[in-house]
C-alpha atoms as a PDB file:
ATOM      1  CA  UNK A   1      96.244 188.309 123.888  1.00  0.00           C
ATOM      2  CA  UNK A   2      96.547 184.575 123.234  1.00  0.00           C
ATOM      3  CA  UNK A   3      99.759 182.896 122.082  1.00  0.00           C
ATOM      4  CA  UNK A   4      98.246 182.154 118.682  1.00  0.00           C
ATOM      5  CA  UNK A   5      97.249 185.811 118.256  1.00  0.00           C
ATOM      6  CA  UNK A   6     100.743 186.941 119.237  1.00  0.00           C
ATOM      7  CA  UNK A   7     102.377 184.523 116.789  1.00  0.00           C
ATOM      8  CA  UNK A   8     100.231 185.928 113.959  1.00  0.00           C
ATOM      9  CA  UNK A   9     102.320 189.096 114.309  1.00  0.00           C
ATOM     10  CA  UNK A  10     105.419 187.187 113.177  1.00  0.00           C
ATOM     11  CA  UNK A  11     105.596 186.685 109.425  1.00  0.00           C
ATOM     12  CA  UNK A  12     107.986 185.399 106.807  1.00  0.00           C
ATOM     13  CA  UNK A  13     108.368 187.123 103.464  1.00  0.00           C
ATOM     14  CA  UNK A  14     111.034 185.675 101.170  1.00  0.00           C
ATOM     15  CA  UNK A  15     111.615 189.180  99.747  1.00  0.00           C
ATOM     16  CA  UNK A  16     112.424 190.718 103.129  1.00  0.00           C
ATOM     17  CA  UNK A  17     115.686 189.750 104.855  1.00  0.00           C
ATOM     18  CA  UNK A  18     115.909 186.523 102.882  1.00  0.00           C
ATOM     19  CA  UNK A  19     112.834 185.049 104.530  1.00  0.00           C
ATOM     20  CA  UNK A  20     113.857 185.621 108.149  1.00  0.00           C
ATOM     21  CA  UNK A  21     110.932 186.059 110.555  1.00  0.00           C
ATOM     22  CA  UNK A  22     109.811 189.688 110.698  1.00  0.00           C
ATOM     23  CA  UNK A  23     107.356 191.729 112.731  1.00  0.00           C
ATOM     24  CA  UNK A  24     103.977 192.337 111.046  1.00  0.00           C
ATOM     25  CA  UNK A  25     105.382 192.478 107.522  1.00  0.00           C
ATOM     26  CA  UNK A  26     107.661 195.403 108.366  1.00  0.00           C
ATOM     27  CA  UNK A  27     111.387 195.518 107.730  1.00  0.00           C
ATOM     28  CA  UNK A  28     112.215 194.611 111.315  1.00  0.00           C
ATOM     29  CA  UNK A  29     113.517 191.105 111.943  1.00  0.00           C
ATOM     30  CA  UNK A  30     112.647 189.190 115.086  1.00  0.00           C
ATOM     31  CA  UNK A  31     116.388 188.572 115.361  1.00  0.00           C
ATOM     32  CA  UNK A  32     116.999 192.331 115.550  1.00  0.00           C
ATOM     33  CA  UNK A  33     114.414 192.856 118.297  1.00  0.00           C
ATOM     34  CA  UNK A  34     115.905 189.995 120.324  1.00  0.00           C
ATOM     35  CA  UNK A  35     119.415 191.323 119.759  1.00  0.00           C
ATOM     36  CA  UNK A  36     118.474 194.767 121.019  1.00  0.00           C
ATOM     37  CA  UNK A  37     116.853 193.290 124.122  1.00  0.00           C
ATOM     38  CA  UNK A  38     119.880 191.060 124.732  1.00  0.00           C
ATOM     39  CA  UNK A  39     122.144 194.098 124.422  1.00  0.00           C
ATOM     40  CA  UNK A  40     120.268 195.770 127.256  1.00  0.00           C
ATOM     41  CA  UNK A  41     117.768 197.914 125.411  1.00  0.00           C
ATOM     42  CA  UNK A  42     114.374 198.102 127.070  1.00  0.00           C
ATOM     43  CA  UNK A  43     110.991 197.582 125.482  1.00  0.00           C
ATOM     44  CA  UNK A  44     110.438 201.317 125.897  1.00  0.00           C
ATOM     45  CA  UNK A  45     113.601 202.057 123.899  1.00  0.00           C
ATOM     46  CA  UNK A  46     112.411 199.834 121.058  1.00  0.00           C
ATOM     47  CA  UNK A  47     108.963 201.425 121.074  1.00  0.00           C
ATOM     48  CA  UNK A  48     110.544 204.875 120.777  1.00  0.00           C
ATOM     49  CA  UNK A  49     112.950 203.769 118.039  1.00  0.00           C
ATOM     50  CA  UNK A  50     110.152 202.196 115.976  1.00  0.00           C
ATOM     51  CA  UNK A  51     106.979 204.283 116.432  1.00  0.00           C
ATOM     52  CA  UNK A  52     104.821 201.713 114.623  1.00  0.00           C
ATOM     53  CA  UNK A  53     106.011 198.907 116.948  1.00  0.00           C
ATOM     54  CA  UNK A  54     103.627 197.779 119.691  1.00  0.00           C
ATOM     55  CA  UNK A  55     104.342 196.114 123.025  1.00  0.00           C
ATOM     56  CA  UNK A  56     102.549 193.001 121.773  1.00  0.00           C
ATOM     57  CA  UNK A  57     105.030 192.845 118.878  1.00  0.00           C
ATOM     58  CA  UNK A  58     107.891 192.579 121.375  1.00  0.00           C
ATOM     59  CA  UNK A  59     106.016 189.915 123.321  1.00  0.00           C
ATOM     60  CA  UNK A  60     105.434 188.093 120.025  1.00  0.00           C
ATOM     61  CA  UNK A  61     109.177 188.089 119.313  1.00  0.00           C
ATOM     62  CA  UNK A  62     109.929 186.661 122.743  1.00  0.00           C
ATOM     63  CA  UNK A  63     107.238 184.010 122.369  1.00  0.00           C
ATOM     64  CA  UNK A  64     108.509 183.092 118.911  1.00  0.00           C
ATOM     65  CA  UNK A  65     112.035 182.702 120.277  1.00  0.00           C
ATOM     66  CA  UNK A  66     110.801 180.509 123.126  1.00  0.00           C
ATOM     67  CA  UNK A  67     108.904 178.302 120.685  1.00  0.00           C
ATOM     68  CA  UNK A  68     111.957 177.932 118.438  1.00  0.00           C
ATOM     69  CA  UNK A  69     114.315 177.188 121.309  1.00  0.00           C
ATOM     70  CA  UNK A  70     111.936 174.692 122.904  1.00  0.00           C
ATOM     71  CA  UNK A  71     112.287 172.541 119.784  1.00  0.00           C
ATOM     72  CA  UNK A  72     116.089 172.430 120.001  1.00  0.00           C
ATOM     73  CA  UNK A  73     118.100 169.831 121.805  1.00  0.00           C
ATOM     74  CA  UNK A  74     121.506 170.843 122.999  1.00  0.00           C
ATOM     75  CA  UNK A  75     123.882 168.138 124.085  1.00  0.00           C
ATOM     76  CA  UNK A  76     126.251 169.228 126.807  1.00  0.00           C
ATOM     77  CA  UNK A  77     129.846 168.194 126.680  1.00  0.00           C
ATOM     78  CA  UNK A  78     130.910 166.272 129.768  1.00  0.00           C
ATOM     79  CA  UNK A  79     134.639 166.230 130.368  1.00  0.00           C
ATOM     80  CA  UNK A  80     136.032 163.566 132.604  1.00  0.00           C
ATOM     81  CA  UNK A  81     138.986 164.575 134.695  1.00  0.00           C
ATOM     82  CA  UNK A  82     141.526 162.278 136.247  1.00  0.00           C
ATOM     83  CA  UNK A  83     140.980 161.939 139.963  1.00  0.00           C
END
């Protein structure tokens, strides 16, 4: 599946979660999927917890996150120490 097809699975509905990105119009925020993965849950765990969820939905969340993060610039703090 192409990146553009995957990203079509991510939607924004101002009436659901205040307009946060969600998966295919369902009440499951991209943020929640990413949080579960970050906490150590596997894709299989998510697919069991949400029977309507598809593996491509999880890939779409990861792709969406990568796209968002790639637009950010983070300045690192450099501390000088006395020699």
